[in-house]
Amino acid sequence: MSISKRIILTGAPGTGKTTLLHAVRGKGYQIFSEVARELISGGKIPPVWNKGKDDTAFGDLVLNERIKQFRKAKKNEYHFYDRGIPDALVFSQLMKKQPSDQLKQAINEYRYSKKVFVLPPWKEIYHSDAVRKESFEQVLEIHDYTIEQYVKAGYSCVILPKCTVQERLKIIFLNLQTSSEPKL
């Protein structure tokens, strides 16, 4: 049976996902970067930062790019993602918007590995920048929404502790080896 393993690393902004993904890439695995950050940095569509404003075009673009990432995965190989399609639900909830039918369908159609690794808010490493504008209080809210939405979508959340990158890598690979899914 051919499989494609899609492992999500998710969490609120500024929790160490990108650093952890670079370490995963250093181990020889394919990674997919955070789509929204790339789009914002590239100036494709500036996101709407204030609640209540229409950000549908940006959300649709992020969703379409995440679907493209999902489809790029090769069979029988492991892939690690900086956030997945269900993360769009998190930001819909944060913006007090109803998720589109397209998003709901994508979440059901494009399924990742059952275990999702969540990096919790970590005040000591959090910093805002030109793209990451959320306050730490918003980061805490996003963290709660992330767990809620992934569980509702049928995933099992593994909360990674606040520790070194190497220790987090060990935890991820141990979890993947002890799951009922195919071994690394």
Protein backbone atom coordinates (compact mmCIF):
# COMPACT_ATOMS: atom_id res chain seq x y z
CA MET A 1 0.00 0.00 0.00
CA SER A 2 1.45 3.40 -0.93
CA ILE A 3 1.08 6.13 1.63
CA SER A 4 1.96 9.74 1.98
CA LYS A 5 2.73 10.86 5.54
CA ARG A 6 1.78 14.46 6.17
CA ILE A 7 2.84 15.71 9.61
CA ILE A 8 1.55 19.06 10.82
CA LEU A 9 3.45 21.32 13.19
CA THR A 10 1.03 23.99 14.28
CA GLY A 11 0.42 26.54 16.95
CA ALA A 12 0.03 30.25 17.42
CA PRO A 13 2.48 32.71 15.86
CA GLY A 14 5.92 32.91 17.44
CA THR A 15 6.00 29.50 19.10
CA GLY A 16 9.05 28.10 17.29
CA LYS A 17 7.42 26.25 14.37
CA THR A 18 9.76 27.60 11.68
CA THR A 19 12.88 26.86 13.72
CA LEU A 20 11.64 23.34 14.40
CA LEU A 21 10.81 22.79 10.73
CA HIS A 22 14.31 23.84 9.69
CA ALA A 23 15.66 21.21 12.10
CA VAL A 24 13.34 18.62 10.52
CA ARG A 25 14.66 19.61 7.07
CA GLY A 26 18.17 19.16 8.46
CA LYS A 27 17.24 15.52 9.12
CA GLY A 28 16.50 15.10 5.40
CA TYR A 29 12.71 15.43 5.37
CA GLN A 30 10.63 17.54 2.99
CA ILE A 31 9.07 20.57 4.68
CA PHE A 32 6.42 23.02 3.59
CA SER A 33 6.65 26.56 4.96
CA GLU A 34 3.88 28.72 6.40
CA VAL A 35 1.85 29.89 3.41
CA ALA A 36 0.30 32.99 4.97
CA ARG A 37 3.66 34.38 6.08
CA GLU A 38 5.16 33.82 2.62
CA LEU A 39 2.21 35.56 0.96
CA ILE A 40 2.32 38.52 3.34
CA SER A 41 6.11 38.86 3.05
CA GLY A 42 5.85 38.63 -0.73
CA GLY A 43 3.17 41.32 -0.83
CA LYS A 44 0.68 39.13 -2.71
CA ILE A 45 -2.35 40.24 -0.71
CA PRO A 46 -1.99 42.19 2.51
CA PRO A 47 -4.07 40.54 5.22
CA VAL A 48 -6.70 42.41 7.12
CA TRP A 49 -5.43 42.77 10.66
CA ASN A 50 -8.57 44.19 12.27
CA LYS A 51 -11.50 41.97 13.18
CA GLY A 52 -14.64 42.41 11.17
CA LYS A 53 -13.03 43.50 7.91
CA ASP A 54 -13.42 41.46 4.74
CA ASP A 55 -10.38 39.24 4.33
CA THR A 56 -12.02 36.61 2.13
CA ALA A 57 -9.59 37.00 -0.77
CA PHE A 58 -6.57 36.48 1.46
CA GLY A 59 -8.14 33.48 3.22
CA ASP A 60 -9.04 31.90 -0.13
CA LEU A 61 -5.50 32.39 -1.40
CA VAL A 62 -4.00 30.81 1.74
CA LEU A 63 -6.37 27.84 1.43
CA ASN A 64 -5.53 27.33 -2.26
CA GLU A 65 -1.79 27.47 -1.52
CA ARG A 66 -2.14 24.95 1.32
CA ILE A 67 -4.01 22.61 -1.02
CA LYS A 68 -1.16 22.96 -3.53
CA GLN A 69 1.31 22.06 -0.79
CA PHE A 70 -0.78 19.04 0.16
CA ARG A 71 -0.85 17.82 -3.44
CA LYS A 72 2.94 18.15 -3.80
CA ALA A 73 3.52 15.37 -1.29
CA LYS A 74 5.05 12.27 -2.85
CA LYS A 75 3.74 8.83 -2.05
CA ASN A 76 5.70 6.78 0.48
CA GLU A 77 7.57 9.84 1.76
CA TYR A 78 7.23 11.90 4.91
CA HIS A 79 6.36 15.58 4.72
CA PHE A 80 6.19 18.17 7.48
CA TYR A 81 3.95 21.25 7.27
CA ASP A 82 4.08 24.59 9.06
CA ARG A 83 0.34 24.61 9.70
CA GLY A 84 -2.27 22.74 7.72
CA ILE A 85 -5.61 23.37 6.07
CA PRO A 86 -7.54 23.19 9.40
CA ASP A 87 -5.58 26.22 10.61
CA ALA A 88 -7.80 28.32 8.36
CA LEU A 89 -10.66 27.46 10.73
CA VAL A 90 -8.64 28.94 13.57
CA PHE A 91 -8.27 32.26 11.82
CA SER A 92 -11.93 32.25 10.72
CA GLN A 93 -12.89 31.82 14.36
CA LEU A 94 -10.47 34.56 15.43
CA MET A 95 -11.93 36.93 12.82
CA LYS A 96 -15.51 35.94 13.85
CA LYS A 97 -16.25 34.67 10.32
CA GLN A 98 -18.10 31.58 9.19
CA PRO A 99 -15.84 29.13 7.35
CA SER A 100 -16.57 28.83 3.65
CA ASP A 101 -18.02 25.67 2.15
CA GLN A 102 -14.76 25.33 0.20
CA LEU A 103 -12.78 25.31 3.45
CA LYS A 104 -15.10 22.75 5.09
CA GLN A 105 -14.81 20.50 2.03
CA ALA A 106 -11.00 20.85 1.92
CA ILE A 107 -10.68 19.86 5.59
CA ASN A 108 -12.64 16.67 4.92
CA GLU A 109 -10.93 15.87 1.62
CA TYR A 110 -7.28 16.61 2.40
CA ARG A 111 -6.36 14.60 5.48
CA TYR A 112 -3.03 14.74 7.27
CA SER A 113 -1.55 12.19 9.67
CA LYS A 114 -3.78 11.79 12.70
CA LYS A 115 -1.25 13.17 15.19
CA VAL A 116 -0.78 16.93 14.99
CA PHE A 117 2.08 18.53 16.92
CA VAL A 118 1.12 21.79 18.63
CA LEU A 119 3.74 24.25 19.85
CA PRO A 120 2.34 26.18 22.82
CA PRO A 121 2.69 29.92 23.46
CA TRP A 122 6.07 30.68 24.94
CA LYS A 123 6.41 34.26 26.13
CA GLU A 124 10.20 34.11 26.41
CA ILE A 125 10.66 33.42 22.68
CA TYR A 126 7.68 35.36 21.32
CA HIS A 127 8.30 38.56 19.39
CA SER A 128 6.24 40.50 16.88
CA ASP A 129 7.57 41.68 13.53
CA ALA A 130 6.33 43.21 10.26
CA VAL A 131 4.22 40.11 9.53
CA ARG A 132 3.54 38.76 13.04
CA LYS A 133 1.46 41.54 14.58
CA GLU A 134 -0.50 39.60 17.20
CA SER A 135 -0.18 40.53 20.86
CA PHE A 136 0.80 37.76 23.26
CA GLU A 137 -2.81 37.77 24.53
CA GLN A 138 -3.98 37.03 20.97
CA VAL A 139 -1.36 34.27 20.74
CA LEU A 140 -2.95 32.61 23.78
CA GLU A 141 -6.39 32.85 22.14
CA ILE A 142 -5.06 31.40 18.86
CA HIS A 143 -3.49 28.50 20.76
CA ASP A 144 -6.84 27.56 22.32
CA TYR A 145 -8.65 27.86 18.98
CA THR A 146 -5.98 25.73 17.29
CA ILE A 147 -6.47 22.81 19.65
CA GLU A 148 -10.25 23.16 19.51
CA GLN A 149 -10.42 23.17 15.69
CA TYR A 150 -7.99 20.29 15.15
CA VAL A 151 -9.84 18.12 17.67
CA LYS A 152 -13.18 18.98 15.99
CA ALA A 153 -11.61 18.01 12.63
CA GLY A 154 -10.73 14.57 14.05
CA TYR A 155 -7.05 14.97 14.83
CA SER A 156 -5.14 14.07 17.98
CA CYS A 157 -3.10 16.99 19.36
CA VAL A 158 0.31 16.37 20.90
CA ILE A 159 1.35 19.48 22.83
CA LEU A 160 5.12 19.84 22.65
CA PRO A 161 6.84 21.08 25.81
CA LYS A 162 8.85 24.27 25.99
CA CYS A 163 12.31 22.79 25.52
CA THR A 164 15.18 22.74 23.05
CA VAL A 165 14.67 22.12 19.35
CA GLN A 166 16.51 18.80 19.62
CA GLU A 167 14.32 17.67 22.52
CA ARG A 168 11.20 18.62 20.54
CA LEU A 169 12.48 16.64 17.54
CA LYS A 170 12.98 13.58 19.76
CA ILE A 171 9.43 13.86 21.06
CA ILE A 172 7.98 14.15 17.56
CA PHE A 173 9.88 11.14 16.20
CA LEU A 174 9.13 9.03 19.29
CA ASN A 175 5.42 9.84 18.92
CA LEU A 176 5.46 8.91 15.26
CA GLN A 177 7.25 5.63 15.99
CA THR A 178 4.74 4.64 18.68
CA SER A 179 1.67 5.51 16.63
CA SER A 180 -0.38 2.93 14.79
CA GLU A 181 0.59 4.67 11.57
CA PRO A 182 3.52 3.39 9.46
CA LYS A 183 6.95 3.79 11.04
CA LEU A 184 9.60 6.37 10.13
